[in-house]
Amino acid sequence: LDEAIAGVGHIPLPPYIASKRDDD
């Protein structure tokens, strides 16, 4: 499960950053 999450997930940036730009 850990490996699968690492493969498809994104870094969950805080809302005050995520609302202004996508993670990279």
PDB file of all heavy atoms in Angstrom:
ATOM      1  N   LEU A   1       0.830  -1.196   0.000  1.00  0.00           N
ATOM      2  CA  LEU A   1       0.000   0.000   0.000  1.00  0.00           C
ATOM      3  C   LEU A   1       0.869   1.252   0.000  1.00  0.00           C
ATOM      4  O   LEU A   1       0.594   2.211  -0.738  1.00  0.00           O
ATOM      5  CB  LEU A   1      -0.928  -0.009   1.208  1.00  0.00           C
ATOM      6  CG  LEU A   1      -1.794   1.239   1.418  1.00  0.00           C
ATOM      7  CD1 LEU A   1      -2.656   1.524   0.195  1.00  0.00           C
ATOM      8  CD2 LEU A   1      -2.662   1.080   2.664  1.00  0.00           C
ATOM      9  N   ASP A   2       1.931   1.252   0.805  1.00  0.00           N
ATOM     10  CA  ASP A   2       2.827   2.408   0.850  1.00  0.00           C
ATOM     11  C   ASP A   2       3.406   2.699  -0.527  1.00  0.00           C
ATOM     12  O   ASP A   2       3.483   3.856  -0.953  1.00  0.00           O
ATOM     13  CB  ASP A   2       3.967   2.156   1.842  1.00  0.00           C
ATOM     14  CG  ASP A   2       3.469   1.965   3.266  1.00  0.00           C
ATOM     15  OD1 ASP A   2       2.335   2.379   3.554  1.00  0.00           O
ATOM     16  OD2 ASP A   2       4.217   1.394   4.076  1.00  0.00           O
ATOM     17  N   GLU A   3       3.821   1.652  -1.212  1.00  0.00           N
ATOM     18  CA  GLU A   3       4.418   1.813  -2.539  1.00  0.00           C
ATOM     19  C   GLU A   3       3.406   2.375  -3.532  1.00  0.00           C
ATOM     20  O   GLU A   3       3.727   3.235  -4.355  1.00  0.00           O
ATOM     21  CB  GLU A   3       4.959   0.474  -3.022  1.00  0.00           C
ATOM     22  CG  GLU A   3       5.691   0.534  -4.353  1.00  0.00           C
ATOM     23  CD  GLU A   3       6.269  -0.812  -4.755  1.00  0.00           C
ATOM     24  OE1 GLU A   3       6.278  -1.743  -3.921  1.00  0.00           O
ATOM     25  OE2 GLU A   3       6.719  -0.931  -5.917  1.00  0.00           O
ATOM     26  N   ALA A   4       2.174   1.887  -3.449  1.00  0.00           N
ATOM     27  CA  ALA A   4       1.140   2.364  -4.367  1.00  0.00           C
ATOM     28  C   ALA A   4       0.806   3.833  -4.108  1.00  0.00           C
ATOM     29  O   ALA A   4       0.629   4.614  -5.046  1.00  0.00           O
ATOM     30  CB  ALA A   4      -0.109   1.500  -4.235  1.00  0.00           C
ATOM     31  N   ILE A   5       0.709   4.209  -2.833  1.00  0.00           N
ATOM     32  CA  ILE A   5       0.436   5.613  -2.500  1.00  0.00           C
ATOM     33  C   ILE A   5       1.556   6.507  -3.018  1.00  0.00           C
ATOM     34  O   ILE A   5       1.313   7.572  -3.589  1.00  0.00           O
ATOM     35  CB  ILE A   5       0.261   5.783  -0.977  1.00  0.00           C
ATOM     36  CG1 ILE A   5      -1.041   5.113  -0.510  1.00  0.00           C
ATOM     37  CG2 ILE A   5       0.256   7.262  -0.581  1.00  0.00           C
ATOM     38  CD1 ILE A   5      -1.198   5.056   0.993  1.00  0.00           C
ATOM     39  N   ALA A   6       2.801   6.071  -2.843  1.00  0.00           N
ATOM     40  CA  ALA A   6       3.939   6.846  -3.328  1.00  0.00           C
ATOM     41  C   ALA A   6       3.896   7.006  -4.845  1.00  0.00           C
ATOM     42  O   ALA A   6       4.342   8.017  -5.390  1.00  0.00           O
ATOM     43  CB  ALA A   6       5.248   6.188  -2.901  1.00  0.00           C
ATOM     44  N   GLY A   7       3.330   6.005  -5.529  1.00  0.00           N
ATOM     45  CA  GLY A   7       3.288   6.045  -6.983  1.00  0.00           C
ATOM     46  C   GLY A   7       2.225   6.965  -7.552  1.00  0.00           C
ATOM     47  O   GLY A   7       2.433   7.576  -8.607  1.00  0.00           O
ATOM     48  N   VAL A   8       1.089   7.084  -6.874  1.00  0.00           N
ATOM     49  CA  VAL A   8      -0.019   7.855  -7.453  1.00  0.00           C
ATOM     50  C   VAL A   8      -0.327   9.146  -6.705  1.00  0.00           C
ATOM     51  O   VAL A   8      -1.068   9.994  -7.205  1.00  0.00           O
ATOM     52  CB  VAL A   8      -1.307   7.004  -7.525  1.00  0.00           C
ATOM     53  CG1 VAL A   8      -1.057   5.713  -8.274  1.00  0.00           C
ATOM     54  CG2 VAL A   8      -1.860   6.717  -6.133  1.00  0.00           C
ATOM     55  N   GLY A   9       0.240   9.317  -5.508  1.00  0.00           N
ATOM     56  CA  GLY A   9      -0.114  10.461  -4.689  1.00  0.00           C
ATOM     57  C   GLY A   9       0.677  11.718  -5.002  1.00  0.00           C
ATOM     58  O   GLY A   9       1.704  11.689  -5.677  1.00  0.00           O
ATOM     59  N   HIS A  10       0.151  12.835  -4.502  1.00  0.00           N
ATOM     60  CA  HIS A  10       0.806  14.136  -4.589  1.00  0.00           C
ATOM     61  C   HIS A  10       1.176  14.589  -3.180  1.00  0.00           C
ATOM     62  O   HIS A  10       0.544  14.196  -2.197  1.00  0.00           O
ATOM     63  CB  HIS A  10      -0.129  15.198  -5.180  1.00  0.00           C
ATOM     64  CG  HIS A  10      -0.555  14.928  -6.584  1.00  0.00           C
ATOM     65  ND1 HIS A  10       0.091  15.466  -7.670  1.00  0.00           N
ATOM     66  CD2 HIS A  10      -1.575  14.177  -7.079  1.00  0.00           C
ATOM     67  CE1 HIS A  10      -0.501  15.063  -8.786  1.00  0.00           C
ATOM     68  NE2 HIS A  10      -1.518  14.280  -8.447  1.00  0.00           N
ATOM     69  N   ILE A  11       2.206  15.445  -3.084  1.00  0.00           N
ATOM     70  CA  ILE A  11       2.516  16.082  -1.811  1.00  0.00           C
ATOM     71  C   ILE A  11       1.342  16.997  -1.452  1.00  0.00           C
ATOM     72  O   ILE A  11       0.950  17.856  -2.249  1.00  0.00           O
ATOM     73  CB  ILE A  11       3.813  16.898  -1.900  1.00  0.00           C
ATOM     74  CG1 ILE A  11       5.009  15.968  -2.088  1.00  0.00           C
ATOM     75  CG2 ILE A  11       3.986  17.767  -0.663  1.00  0.00           C
ATOM     76  CD1 ILE A  11       5.275  15.059  -0.909  1.00  0.00           C
ATOM     77  N   PRO A  12       0.746  16.813  -0.277  1.00  0.00           N
ATOM     78  CA  PRO A  12      -0.434  17.614   0.101  1.00  0.00           C
ATOM     79  C   PRO A  12      -0.040  18.984   0.621  1.00  0.00           C
ATOM     80  O   PRO A  12       0.056  19.212   1.824  1.00  0.00           O
ATOM     81  CB  PRO A  12      -1.083  16.762   1.201  1.00  0.00           C
ATOM     82  CG  PRO A  12       0.071  16.031   1.821  1.00  0.00           C
ATOM     83  CD  PRO A  12       1.087  15.797   0.737  1.00  0.00           C
ATOM     84  N   LEU A  13       0.198  19.909  -0.297  1.00  0.00           N
ATOM     85  CA  LEU A  13       0.570  21.253   0.114  1.00  0.00           C
ATOM     86  C   LEU A  13      -0.541  21.883   0.959  1.00  0.00           C
ATOM     87  O   LEU A  13      -1.727  21.602   0.750  1.00  0.00           O
ATOM     88  CB  LEU A  13       0.842  22.125  -1.106  1.00  0.00           C
ATOM     89  CG  LEU A  13       2.110  21.819  -1.910  1.00  0.00           C
ATOM     90  CD1 LEU A  13       2.185  22.740  -3.120  1.00  0.00           C
ATOM     91  CD2 LEU A  13       3.358  21.953  -1.054  1.00  0.00           C
ATOM     92  N   PRO A  14      -0.170  22.740   1.905  1.00  0.00           N
ATOM     93  CA  PRO A  14      -1.189  23.433   2.697  1.00  0.00           C
ATOM     94  C   PRO A  14      -2.155  24.188   1.799  1.00  0.00           C
ATOM     95  O   PRO A  14      -1.774  24.657   0.714  1.00  0.00           O
ATOM     96  CB  PRO A  14      -0.365  24.383   3.562  1.00  0.00           C
ATOM     97  CG  PRO A  14       0.991  23.769   3.625  1.00  0.00           C
ATOM     98  CD  PRO A  14       1.198  23.106   2.309  1.00  0.00           C
ATOM     99  N   PRO A  15      -3.406  24.348   2.227  1.00  0.00           N
ATOM    100  CA  PRO A  15      -4.414  25.005   1.385  1.00  0.00           C
ATOM    101  C   PRO A  15      -4.023  26.396   0.923  1.00  0.00           C
ATOM    102  O   PRO A  15      -4.350  26.794  -0.200  1.00  0.00           O
ATOM    103  CB  PRO A  15      -5.651  25.052   2.304  1.00  0.00           C
ATOM    104  CG  PRO A  15      -5.433  23.974   3.303  1.00  0.00           C
ATOM    105  CD  PRO A  15      -3.961  23.867   3.500  1.00  0.00           C
ATOM    106  N   TYR A  16      -3.311  27.150   1.769  1.00  0.00           N
ATOM    107  CA  TYR A  16      -2.965  28.518   1.402  1.00  0.00           C
ATOM    108  C   TYR A  16      -1.875  28.570   0.328  1.00  0.00           C
ATOM    109  O   TYR A  16      -1.648  29.620  -0.257  1.00  0.00           O
ATOM    110  CB  TYR A  16      -2.536  29.321   2.636  1.00  0.00           C
ATOM    111  CG  TYR A  16      -1.632  28.569   3.592  1.00  0.00           C
ATOM    112  CD1 TYR A  16      -0.277  28.408   3.322  1.00  0.00           C
ATOM    113  CD2 TYR A  16      -2.142  28.007   4.748  1.00  0.00           C
ATOM    114  CE1 TYR A  16       0.544  27.706   4.180  1.00  0.00           C
ATOM    115  CE2 TYR A  16      -1.328  27.307   5.619  1.00  0.00           C
ATOM    116  CZ  TYR A  16       0.015  27.165   5.331  1.00  0.00           C
ATOM    117  OH  TYR A  16       0.820  26.466   6.184  1.00  0.00           O
ATOM    118  N   ILE A  17      -1.196  27.450   0.071  1.00  0.00           N
ATOM    119  CA  ILE A  17      -0.273  27.361  -1.058  1.00  0.00           C
ATOM    120  C   ILE A  17      -0.959  26.690  -2.235  1.00  0.00           C
ATOM    121  O   ILE A  17      -0.888  27.158  -3.374  1.00  0.00           O
ATOM    122  CB  ILE A  17       1.007  26.595  -0.675  1.00  0.00           C
ATOM    123  CG1 ILE A  17       1.772  27.345   0.412  1.00  0.00           C
ATOM    124  CG2 ILE A  17       1.899  26.387  -1.904  1.00  0.00           C
ATOM    125  CD1 ILE A  17       3.024  26.627   0.904  1.00  0.00           C
ATOM    126  N   ALA A  18      -1.659  25.586  -1.966  1.00  0.00           N
ATOM    127  CA  ALA A  18      -2.315  24.825  -3.032  1.00  0.00           C
ATOM    128  C   ALA A  18      -3.346  25.652  -3.781  1.00  0.00           C
ATOM    129  O   ALA A  18      -3.606  25.406  -4.966  1.00  0.00           O
ATOM    130  CB  ALA A  18      -2.963  23.573  -2.451  1.00  0.00           C
ATOM    131  N   SER A  19      -3.948  26.649  -3.115  1.00  0.00           N
ATOM    132  CA  SER A  19      -4.939  27.491  -3.789  1.00  0.00           C
ATOM    133  C   SER A  19      -4.308  28.462  -4.773  1.00  0.00           C
ATOM    134  O   SER A  19      -5.000  29.060  -5.594  1.00  0.00           O
ATOM    135  CB  SER A  19      -5.756  28.270  -2.754  1.00  0.00           C
ATOM    136  OG  SER A  19      -4.932  29.178  -2.036  1.00  0.00           O
ATOM    137  N   LYS A  20      -2.975  28.606  -4.689  1.00  0.00           N
ATOM    138  CA  LYS A  20      -2.280  29.575  -5.535  1.00  0.00           C
ATOM    139  C   LYS A  20      -1.401  28.929  -6.608  1.00  0.00           C
ATOM    140  O   LYS A  20      -1.039  29.576  -7.585  1.00  0.00           O
ATOM    141  CB  LYS A  20      -1.448  30.516  -4.670  1.00  0.00           C
ATOM    142  CG  LYS A  20      -2.292  31.402  -3.756  1.00  0.00           C
ATOM    143  CD  LYS A  20      -1.410  32.284  -2.898  1.00  0.00           C
ATOM    144  CE  LYS A  20      -2.248  33.285  -2.097  1.00  0.00           C
ATOM    145  NZ  LYS A  20      -3.214  32.617  -1.204  1.00  0.00           N
ATOM    146  N   ARG A  21      -1.027  27.665  -6.410  1.00  0.00           N
ATOM    147  CA  ARG A  21      -0.213  26.981  -7.410  1.00  0.00           C
ATOM    148  C   ARG A  21      -0.304  25.479  -7.194  1.00  0.00           C
ATOM    149  O   ARG A  21      -0.642  25.001  -6.099  1.00  0.00           O
ATOM    150  CB  ARG A  21       1.242  27.429  -7.353  1.00  0.00           C
ATOM    151  CG  ARG A  21       1.988  27.027  -6.071  1.00  0.00           C
ATOM    152  CD  ARG A  21       3.466  27.310  -6.206  1.00  0.00           C
ATOM    153  NE  ARG A  21       4.235  26.951  -5.007  1.00  0.00           N
ATOM    154  CZ  ARG A  21       4.676  25.727  -4.736  1.00  0.00           C
ATOM    155  NH1 ARG A  21       4.412  24.719  -5.562  1.00  0.00           N
ATOM    156  NH2 ARG A  21       5.367  25.504  -3.642  1.00  0.00           N
ATOM    157  N   ASP A  22       0.016  24.699  -8.241  1.00  0.00           N
ATOM    158  CA  ASP A  22       0.055  23.248  -8.129  1.00  0.00           C
ATOM    159  C   ASP A  22       1.367  22.805  -7.489  1.00  0.00           C
ATOM    160  O   ASP A  22       2.376  23.512  -7.547  1.00  0.00           O
ATOM    161  CB  ASP A  22      -0.074  22.602  -9.508  1.00  0.00           C
ATOM    162  CG  ASP A  22      -1.450  22.821 -10.124  1.00  0.00           C
ATOM    163  OD1 ASP A  22      -2.422  22.988  -9.347  1.00  0.00           O
ATOM    164  OD2 ASP A  22      -1.550  22.835 -11.368  1.00  0.00           O
ATOM    165  N   ASP A  23       1.347  21.616  -6.883  1.00  0.00           N
ATOM    166  CA  ASP A  23       2.594  21.066  -6.375  1.00  0.00           C
ATOM    167  C   ASP A  23       3.472  20.632  -7.548  1.00  0.00           C
ATOM    168  O   ASP A  23       2.979  20.383  -8.651  1.00  0.00           O
ATOM    169  CB  ASP A  23       2.322  19.876  -5.451  1.00  0.00           C
ATOM    170  CG  ASP A  23       1.741  18.681  -6.186  1.00  0.00           C
ATOM    171  OD1 ASP A  23       0.597  18.798  -6.668  1.00  0.00           O
ATOM    172  OD2 ASP A  23       2.432  17.652  -6.305  1.00  0.00           O
ATOM    173  N   ASP A  24       4.764  20.574  -7.334  1.00  0.00           N
ATOM    174  CA  ASP A  24       5.689  20.160  -8.379  1.00  0.00           C
ATOM    175  C   ASP A  24       6.813  19.346  -7.758  1.00  0.00           C
ATOM    176  O   ASP A  24       6.828  19.076  -6.552  1.00  0.00           O
ATOM    177  CB  ASP A  24       6.222  21.356  -9.167  1.00  0.00           C
ATOM    178  CG  ASP A  24       6.869  22.413  -8.280  1.00  0.00           C
ATOM    179  OD1 ASP A  24       7.427  22.048  -7.224  1.00  0.00           O
ATOM    180  OD2 ASP A  24       6.823  23.602  -8.630  1.00  0.00           O
TER     181      ASP A  24
END
